[in-house]
Amino acid sequence: MTDILDPLPASDLKINSHAPHPPFPWTAAIPPDWVLLDTNPESWQRNAERIVDDRFHGRRLRAAERRAVLDFLEQLVADCQRAGAALSMVQLGRMSTGAVGSAGLHLGWFDSAPQPAGLTLVRQSLSRTGTVEEVETPRGPGLLHRDVAFTVPPGALTRVRSTVLQLYLPLPGTTWTAVLSAATPHPELERVLADVIVAVARAISPGDPTDAGEPGEGADGAGEPGDSEGG
């Protein structure tokens, strides 16, 4: 894992057109060793299979492992569609134990109109469990909420502990808040995931809010700040 971020390639960008996002231009970046996840109902399955084959190219992946990874991606896509994530990315690979590891990171948007975006509104919406810390970014402070959830991963029979991270970044001068969500059941990925979610948040940059256009043209901001979930 590297902390160097790459601009998102326009040719590979898979924006969920049905998800809320600002009616003005915005940019983001992701670590080069993560891949964009297609959540389109008509194409996600082919994309998921290609991701697995590309990420484990030349490395032996048992049939049961491949099925478990594809089940994880299928559940991740369903979570993204349900939560209204505008952009999703995934990390797959071998853990130090030899097991296949996975983590997902998602970007969603919340429109608080007519109230301006701000940390006060975010704090009011946060769960009372977990911990909260303030994160400095070039666009101003954000809030990182860290909690724990117990879920049954795809292919598993028992519940496991997962670290869940959500970072809220209000864009000053607008009614829009970027919501980054991530989760992993692998303890050795927790610190990496925290570093990545902060790095991606710091790379988010709005264009001119008065200049409506892609990628958010015509979008409306439904939902609450805490609705998105990582996978």
Protein backbone atom coordinates (compact mmCIF):
# COMPACT_ATOMS: atom_id res chain seq x y z
CA MET A 1 0.00 0.00 0.00
CA THR A 2 1.28 3.44 -0.86
CA ASP A 3 0.18 6.87 0.30
CA ILE A 4 0.68 8.37 -3.18
CA LEU A 5 -2.60 9.27 -4.84
CA ASP A 6 -3.34 9.29 -8.56
CA PRO A 7 -5.96 11.49 -10.25
CA LEU A 8 -8.99 9.44 -11.23
CA PRO A 9 -8.72 8.47 -14.94
CA ALA A 10 -11.77 9.81 -16.77
CA SER A 11 -11.89 6.76 -19.06
CA ASP A 12 -12.31 4.40 -16.09
CA LEU A 13 -14.50 6.61 -13.93
CA LYS A 14 -17.70 4.84 -12.86
CA ILE A 15 -19.99 7.46 -11.33
CA ASN A 16 -23.35 6.23 -10.08
CA SER A 17 -25.64 8.65 -11.90
CA HIS A 18 -28.53 7.82 -9.55
CA ALA A 19 -26.58 8.80 -6.42
CA PRO A 20 -26.65 12.35 -5.00
CA HIS A 21 -23.66 14.49 -5.93
CA PRO A 22 -23.02 18.24 -6.24
CA PRO A 23 -24.26 20.23 -9.24
CA PHE A 24 -20.74 21.66 -9.68
CA PRO A 25 -17.43 20.10 -10.76
CA TRP A 26 -15.33 18.26 -8.18
CA THR A 27 -12.16 16.21 -8.32
CA ALA A 28 -10.76 13.35 -6.28
CA ALA A 29 -7.85 10.89 -6.34
CA ILE A 30 -7.25 7.33 -5.18
CA PRO A 31 -4.19 5.22 -4.31
CA PRO A 32 -2.83 3.58 -7.48
CA ASP A 33 -3.04 0.10 -5.94
CA TRP A 34 -6.82 0.36 -5.44
CA VAL A 35 -9.26 -0.26 -8.29
CA LEU A 36 -12.53 1.44 -9.17
CA LEU A 37 -15.62 -0.70 -8.62
CA ASP A 38 -18.39 -0.67 -11.21
CA THR A 39 -21.79 -0.68 -9.45
CA ASN A 40 -23.89 -0.49 -12.63
CA PRO A 41 -26.54 -3.28 -12.47
CA GLU A 42 -25.82 -4.24 -16.09
CA SER A 43 -22.04 -4.44 -15.93
CA TRP A 44 -20.87 -4.92 -12.32
CA GLN A 45 -20.57 -8.71 -12.54
CA ARG A 46 -18.18 -8.65 -15.52
CA ASN A 47 -16.21 -5.90 -13.81
CA ALA A 48 -15.97 -7.90 -10.56
CA GLU A 49 -14.68 -10.98 -12.36
CA ARG A 50 -12.09 -8.89 -14.21
CA ILE A 51 -10.94 -7.27 -10.94
CA VAL A 52 -10.39 -10.67 -9.29
CA ASP A 53 -8.56 -12.11 -12.30
CA ASP A 54 -6.37 -9.00 -12.65
CA ARG A 55 -5.53 -8.68 -8.95
CA PHE A 56 -4.53 -12.33 -8.60
CA HIS A 57 -2.97 -12.79 -12.05
CA GLY A 58 -0.16 -15.32 -11.87
CA ARG A 59 -0.95 -16.24 -8.26
CA ARG A 60 -2.81 -19.43 -7.36
CA LEU A 61 -6.36 -18.74 -6.20
CA ARG A 62 -8.42 -21.75 -5.16
CA ALA A 63 -11.95 -22.04 -6.51
CA ALA A 64 -13.43 -21.55 -3.03
CA GLU A 65 -11.31 -18.43 -2.49
CA ARG A 66 -12.33 -16.98 -5.85
CA ARG A 67 -16.00 -17.62 -5.06
CA ALA A 68 -15.61 -15.95 -1.65
CA VAL A 69 -13.98 -12.86 -3.19
CA LEU A 70 -16.71 -12.61 -5.84
CA ASP A 71 -19.34 -12.96 -3.09
CA PHE A 72 -17.63 -10.10 -1.23
CA LEU A 73 -17.70 -7.90 -4.32
CA GLU A 74 -21.35 -8.78 -4.99
CA GLN A 75 -22.30 -7.77 -1.45
CA LEU A 76 -20.16 -4.64 -1.75
CA VAL A 77 -21.94 -3.61 -4.95
CA ALA A 78 -25.33 -4.18 -3.30
CA ASP A 79 -24.28 -2.07 -0.30
CA CYS A 80 -23.07 0.72 -2.60
CA GLN A 81 -26.30 0.73 -4.59
CA ARG A 82 -28.43 0.77 -1.43
CA ALA A 83 -26.37 3.50 0.27
CA GLY A 84 -26.23 5.74 -2.80
CA ALA A 85 -22.44 5.79 -3.13
CA ALA A 86 -21.35 7.96 -6.07
CA LEU A 87 -17.92 6.35 -6.36
CA SER A 88 -16.52 3.08 -4.98
CA MET A 89 -13.12 1.45 -4.94
CA VAL A 90 -11.73 -1.82 -3.61
CA GLN A 91 -8.48 -3.39 -2.44
CA LEU A 92 -7.81 -7.14 -2.74
CA GLY A 93 -4.71 -9.18 -1.96
CA ARG A 94 -3.00 -11.78 0.20
CA MET A 95 -2.66 -11.08 3.92
CA SER A 96 0.42 -12.01 5.94
CA THR A 97 -1.47 -15.14 7.08
CA GLY A 98 -1.92 -16.26 3.48
CA ALA A 99 -5.65 -15.59 3.53
CA VAL A 100 -7.28 -13.39 0.90
CA GLY A 101 -7.90 -9.90 2.29
CA SER A 102 -10.37 -7.27 1.12
CA ALA A 103 -11.46 -3.72 1.88
CA GLY A 104 -13.85 -1.27 0.27
CA LEU A 105 -13.92 2.53 0.24
CA HIS A 106 -16.87 4.61 -0.95
CA LEU A 107 -17.56 8.27 -1.62
CA GLY A 108 -21.05 9.68 -1.23
CA TRP A 109 -22.51 13.17 -0.98
CA PHE A 110 -25.04 14.76 1.35
CA ASP A 111 -26.92 17.98 0.61
CA SER A 112 -28.01 19.83 3.78
CA ALA A 113 -29.89 22.62 1.93
CA PRO A 114 -31.07 25.07 3.01
CA GLN A 115 -28.50 24.77 5.82
CA PRO A 116 -24.86 25.38 4.86
CA ALA A 117 -22.49 22.43 5.21
CA GLY A 118 -20.59 22.44 8.49
CA LEU A 119 -19.18 20.34 11.30
CA THR A 120 -22.00 21.25 13.70
CA LEU A 121 -24.54 19.51 11.50
CA VAL A 122 -22.24 16.51 11.12
CA ARG A 123 -21.72 16.17 14.86
CA GLN A 124 -25.47 16.23 15.43
CA SER A 125 -25.94 13.27 13.07
CA LEU A 126 -23.11 11.05 14.33
CA SER A 127 -23.71 7.86 16.27
CA ARG A 128 -22.92 8.09 19.98
CA THR A 129 -20.79 4.95 19.78
CA GLY A 130 -17.19 4.86 18.62
CA THR A 131 -14.68 7.69 18.58
CA VAL A 132 -14.48 10.97 16.65
CA GLU A 133 -11.41 12.95 15.67
CA GLU A 134 -10.96 16.13 13.66
CA VAL A 135 -8.93 15.88 10.45
CA GLU A 136 -7.33 18.86 8.72
CA THR A 137 -7.63 19.09 4.94
CA PRO A 138 -6.93 21.83 2.35
CA ARG A 139 -10.71 22.42 2.23
CA GLY A 140 -11.01 22.83 6.01
CA PRO A 141 -11.59 20.42 8.88
CA GLY A 142 -13.44 17.13 8.58
CA LEU A 143 -14.56 14.57 11.16
CA LEU A 144 -13.38 10.95 11.20
CA HIS A 145 -15.74 8.59 13.03
CA ARG A 146 -14.33 5.16 13.94
CA ASP A 147 -16.55 2.33 15.17
CA VAL A 148 -16.84 -1.46 15.26
CA ALA A 149 -19.48 -3.68 13.69
CA PHE A 150 -19.98 -7.44 13.77
CA THR A 151 -21.00 -8.96 10.44
CA VAL A 152 -20.93 -12.29 8.61
CA PRO A 153 -18.58 -11.87 5.62
CA PRO A 154 -19.50 -13.57 2.32
CA GLY A 155 -18.46 -17.22 2.43
CA ALA A 156 -18.22 -17.26 6.24
CA LEU A 157 -20.53 -18.88 8.79
CA THR A 158 -19.78 -16.77 11.85
CA ARG A 159 -19.80 -13.08 12.63
CA VAL A 160 -16.47 -11.28 12.72
CA ARG A 161 -15.36 -7.91 14.05
CA SER A 162 -14.95 -5.20 11.42
CA THR A 163 -13.51 -1.72 11.79
CA VAL A 164 -15.83 0.86 10.23
CA LEU A 165 -14.56 4.33 9.30
CA GLN A 166 -16.59 7.31 8.09
CA LEU A 167 -15.03 10.66 7.25
CA TYR A 168 -17.25 13.73 6.75
CA LEU A 169 -15.85 16.72 4.86
CA PRO A 170 -18.16 19.78 4.54
CA LEU A 171 -17.28 21.96 1.56
CA PRO A 172 -17.17 25.60 2.73
CA GLY A 173 -19.53 27.96 0.96
CA THR A 174 -21.83 25.13 -0.18
CA THR A 175 -24.55 22.91 1.26
CA TRP A 176 -22.63 19.73 0.31
CA THR A 177 -20.68 17.33 2.52
CA ALA A 178 -18.46 14.56 1.14
CA VAL A 179 -18.93 11.30 3.05
CA LEU A 180 -16.15 8.70 2.78
CA SER A 181 -16.90 5.25 4.18
CA ALA A 182 -14.62 2.23 4.59
CA ALA A 183 -14.55 -1.04 6.48
CA THR A 184 -12.41 -4.13 6.87
CA PRO A 185 -12.53 -7.30 9.01
CA HIS A 186 -8.72 -7.61 8.84
CA PRO A 187 -6.88 -6.00 11.79
CA GLU A 188 -3.65 -5.59 9.80
CA LEU A 189 -5.49 -3.40 7.28
CA GLU A 190 -7.01 -1.03 9.84
CA ARG A 191 -4.15 1.48 9.95
CA VAL A 192 -3.74 1.36 6.16
CA LEU A 193 -7.46 1.99 5.70
CA ALA A 194 -7.39 4.95 8.09
CA ASP A 195 -4.45 6.49 6.22
CA VAL A 196 -6.16 5.98 2.85
CA ILE A 197 -9.51 7.46 3.84
CA VAL A 198 -7.78 10.60 5.18
CA ALA A 199 -5.58 10.90 2.08
CA VAL A 200 -8.57 10.61 -0.26
CA ALA A 201 -10.49 13.19 1.77
CA ARG A 202 -7.58 15.61 1.52
CA ALA A 203 -7.56 15.15 -2.26
CA ILE A 204 -11.22 16.11 -2.74
CA SER A 205 -11.46 19.51 -4.35
CA PRO A 206 -14.55 21.40 -5.52
CA GLY A 207 -14.76 23.50 -8.64
CA ASP A 208 -16.72 26.74 -8.82
CA PRO A 209 -20.08 26.08 -7.03
CA THR A 210 -21.71 28.57 -9.43
CA ASP A 211 -20.57 26.53 -12.43
CA ALA A 212 -23.08 23.68 -12.69
CA GLY A 213 -21.90 20.75 -14.78
CA GLU A 214 -20.50 17.26 -14.71
CA PRO A 215 -20.38 15.03 -12.81
CA GLY A 216 -23.27 16.25 -10.67
CA GLU A 217 -25.56 17.95 -13.15
CA GLY A 218 -29.20 17.52 -12.16
CA ALA A 219 -28.45 15.47 -9.00
CA ASP A 220 -30.44 16.00 -5.86
CA GLY A 221 -29.08 15.33 -2.40
CA ALA A 222 -31.29 12.84 -0.63
CA GLY A 223 -30.27 10.90 2.46
CA GLU A 224 -28.56 11.63 5.74
CA PRO A 225 -24.84 12.14 6.43
CA GLY A 226 -24.46 8.75 8.09
CA ASP A 227 -26.23 6.63 5.47
CA SER A 228 -23.20 5.34 3.53
CA GLU A 229 -21.40 2.21 4.71
CA GLY A 230 -18.03 0.73 3.82
CA GLY A 231 -17.58 -2.87 2.90
